[in-house]
N, C-alpha and C. Protein backbone atom coordinates (compact mmCIF):
# COMPACT_ATOMS: atom_id res chain seq x y z
N MET A 1 0.87 -1.18 0.00
CA MET A 1 0.00 0.00 0.00
C MET A 1 0.90 1.24 -0.01
N ASN A 2 0.70 2.08 -0.97
CA ASN A 2 1.49 3.31 -1.01
C ASN A 2 0.83 4.43 -0.22
N PHE A 3 1.48 5.56 -0.19
CA PHE A 3 1.00 6.66 0.64
C PHE A 3 -0.35 7.20 0.16
N LYS A 4 -0.55 7.22 -1.14
CA LYS A 4 -1.81 7.77 -1.69
C LYS A 4 -2.99 6.90 -1.25
N GLU A 5 -2.84 5.58 -1.32
CA GLU A 5 -3.91 4.68 -0.86
C GLU A 5 -4.15 4.84 0.64
N TRP A 6 -3.07 4.98 1.40
CA TRP A 6 -3.20 5.16 2.84
C TRP A 6 -3.93 6.45 3.14
N LEU A 7 -3.60 7.51 2.40
CA LEU A 7 -4.25 8.81 2.63
C LEU A 7 -5.73 8.76 2.31
N VAL A 8 -6.09 8.09 1.23
CA VAL A 8 -7.52 7.94 0.88
C VAL A 8 -8.24 7.17 1.97
N ASN A 9 -7.64 6.07 2.43
CA ASN A 9 -8.24 5.29 3.53
C ASN A 9 -8.37 6.14 4.79
N PHE A 10 -7.36 6.95 5.08
CA PHE A 10 -7.40 7.83 6.25
C PHE A 10 -8.58 8.80 6.13
N LEU A 11 -8.71 9.45 4.98
CA LEU A 11 -9.79 10.44 4.81
C LEU A 11 -11.17 9.82 4.91
N ILE A 12 -11.34 8.65 4.31
CA ILE A 12 -12.64 7.98 4.37
C ILE A 12 -12.98 7.60 5.81
N THR A 13 -12.00 7.01 6.49
CA THR A 13 -12.22 6.60 7.88
C THR A 13 -12.46 7.81 8.77
N PHE A 14 -11.68 8.88 8.56
CA PHE A 14 -11.82 10.12 9.35
C PHE A 14 -13.22 10.71 9.19
N ILE A 15 -13.68 10.83 7.97
CA ILE A 15 -14.98 11.46 7.72
C ILE A 15 -16.12 10.62 8.30
N ILE A 16 -16.07 9.30 8.09
CA ILE A 16 -17.14 8.44 8.63
C ILE A 16 -17.15 8.48 10.14
N THR A 17 -15.99 8.39 10.77
CA THR A 17 -15.91 8.42 12.23
C THR A 17 -16.37 9.76 12.77
N LEU A 18 -15.99 10.86 12.11
CA LEU A 18 -16.40 12.18 12.57
C LEU A 18 -17.92 12.34 12.50
N ILE A 19 -18.52 11.89 11.41
CA ILE A 19 -19.98 12.01 11.28
C ILE A 19 -20.70 11.16 12.32
N VAL A 20 -20.26 9.92 12.49
CA VAL A 20 -20.92 9.01 13.43
C VAL A 20 -20.77 9.51 14.87
N SER A 21 -19.54 9.91 15.25
CA SER A 21 -19.35 10.35 16.64
C SER A 21 -20.07 11.67 16.89
N ALA A 22 -20.15 12.55 15.90
CA ALA A 22 -20.92 13.78 16.09
C ALA A 22 -22.41 13.48 16.24
N ALA A 23 -22.91 12.55 15.44
CA ALA A 23 -24.32 12.17 15.56
C ALA A 23 -24.63 11.53 16.91
N VAL A 24 -23.73 10.67 17.36
CA VAL A 24 -23.95 9.98 18.64
C VAL A 24 -23.93 10.97 19.79
N THR A 25 -22.95 11.89 19.81
CA THR A 25 -22.90 12.86 20.90
C THR A 25 -24.08 13.82 20.85
N PHE A 26 -24.53 14.17 19.63
CA PHE A 26 -25.70 15.04 19.51
C PHE A 26 -26.93 14.33 20.09
N LEU A 27 -27.15 13.07 19.67
CA LEU A 27 -28.32 12.35 20.16
C LEU A 27 -28.25 12.13 21.67
N TRP A 28 -27.07 11.83 22.17
CA TRP A 28 -26.91 11.64 23.61
C TRP A 28 -27.25 12.93 24.36
N ASN A 29 -26.69 14.03 23.93
CA ASN A 29 -26.98 15.30 24.59
C ASN A 29 -28.43 15.69 24.47
N TYR A 30 -29.05 15.39 23.33
CA TYR A 30 -30.46 15.75 23.15
C TYR A 30 -31.37 14.87 23.99
N LEU A 31 -31.15 13.58 23.99
CA LEU A 31 -32.03 12.67 24.71
C LEU A 31 -31.84 12.70 26.21
N VAL A 32 -30.61 12.84 26.68
CA VAL A 32 -30.35 12.77 28.11
C VAL A 32 -30.41 14.16 28.76
N HIS A 33 -29.79 15.14 28.11
CA HIS A 33 -29.67 16.45 28.74
C HIS A 33 -30.59 17.52 28.14
N LYS A 34 -31.38 17.15 27.11
CA LYS A 34 -32.25 18.09 26.41
C LYS A 34 -31.48 19.32 25.92
N ASN A 35 -30.29 19.03 25.39
CA ASN A 35 -29.40 20.09 24.91
C ASN A 35 -28.93 19.70 23.51
N CYS A 36 -29.15 20.58 22.52
CA CYS A 36 -28.81 20.28 21.13
C CYS A 36 -27.38 20.71 20.82
N THR A 37 -26.39 19.99 21.37
CA THR A 37 -25.01 20.33 21.11
C THR A 37 -24.25 19.07 20.68
N ILE A 38 -23.17 19.31 19.95
CA ILE A 38 -22.29 18.23 19.53
C ILE A 38 -20.98 18.38 20.29
N ASN A 39 -20.47 17.31 20.83
CA ASN A 39 -19.21 17.34 21.57
C ASN A 39 -18.05 17.16 20.59
N TRP A 40 -17.58 18.29 20.06
CA TRP A 40 -16.47 18.24 19.09
C TRP A 40 -15.15 17.82 19.74
N GLU A 41 -15.03 18.04 21.06
CA GLU A 41 -13.82 17.64 21.77
C GLU A 41 -13.65 16.14 21.80
N THR A 42 -14.71 15.41 21.63
CA THR A 42 -14.66 13.95 21.56
C THR A 42 -14.62 13.48 20.11
N ALA A 43 -15.35 14.14 19.23
CA ALA A 43 -15.50 13.69 17.85
C ALA A 43 -14.19 13.78 17.07
N PHE A 44 -13.48 14.90 17.15
CA PHE A 44 -12.26 15.04 16.36
C PHE A 44 -11.12 14.12 16.81
N PRO A 45 -10.81 14.03 18.09
CA PRO A 45 -9.74 13.07 18.46
C PRO A 45 -10.06 11.62 18.11
N LEU A 46 -11.31 11.24 18.29
CA LEU A 46 -11.70 9.89 17.94
C LEU A 46 -11.53 9.64 16.44
N ALA A 47 -11.94 10.62 15.64
CA ALA A 47 -11.79 10.49 14.18
C ALA A 47 -10.32 10.46 13.77
N ILE A 48 -9.49 11.25 14.40
CA ILE A 48 -8.06 11.26 14.08
C ILE A 48 -7.42 9.93 14.46
N ILE A 49 -7.73 9.43 15.64
CA ILE A 49 -7.13 8.16 16.09
C ILE A 49 -7.57 7.01 15.18
N PHE A 50 -8.86 6.90 14.93
CA PHE A 50 -9.34 5.82 14.06
C PHE A 50 -8.83 6.00 12.65
N GLY A 51 -8.73 7.26 12.19
CA GLY A 51 -8.23 7.53 10.84
C GLY A 51 -6.78 7.11 10.67
N ILE A 52 -6.00 7.14 11.72
CA ILE A 52 -4.60 6.71 11.63
C ILE A 52 -4.48 5.20 11.86
N VAL A 53 -5.16 4.68 12.85
CA VAL A 53 -4.98 3.28 13.26
C VAL A 53 -5.50 2.31 12.20
N PHE A 54 -6.71 2.49 11.72
CA PHE A 54 -7.31 1.51 10.81
C PHE A 54 -6.58 1.43 9.46
N PRO A 55 -6.23 2.53 8.78
CA PRO A 55 -5.45 2.39 7.54
C PRO A 55 -4.05 1.81 7.79
N THR A 56 -3.46 2.12 8.94
CA THR A 56 -2.15 1.56 9.23
C THR A 56 -2.24 0.06 9.44
N MET A 57 -3.25 -0.40 10.15
CA MET A 57 -3.43 -1.82 10.33
C MET A 57 -3.68 -2.52 8.98
N ASP A 58 -4.44 -1.87 8.12
CA ASP A 58 -4.67 -2.42 6.80
C ASP A 58 -3.40 -2.50 5.99
N ALA A 59 -2.54 -1.50 6.09
CA ALA A 59 -1.25 -1.50 5.38
C ALA A 59 -0.32 -2.58 5.91
N ILE A 60 -0.36 -2.83 7.20
CA ILE A 60 0.50 -3.86 7.79
C ILE A 60 0.05 -5.25 7.35
N LYS A 61 -1.25 -5.46 7.23
CA LYS A 61 -1.78 -6.75 6.82
C LYS A 61 -1.32 -7.09 5.38
N LYS A 62 -1.28 -6.10 4.52
CA LYS A 62 -0.94 -6.34 3.11
C LYS A 62 0.50 -6.44 2.98
């Protein structure tokens, strides 16, 4: 796997994780606290970590 493939995998994983974690924190805050906010402090680090780890694991397997 070259760098371009790794970067594409990183971006796809990053975007999906960011959307899902933002939606989950929004729903949690809305349902539990009746507050319509997204916890970006959790969403971005989670997306960055998953975006790095999963493509790297895929590159190591190949």
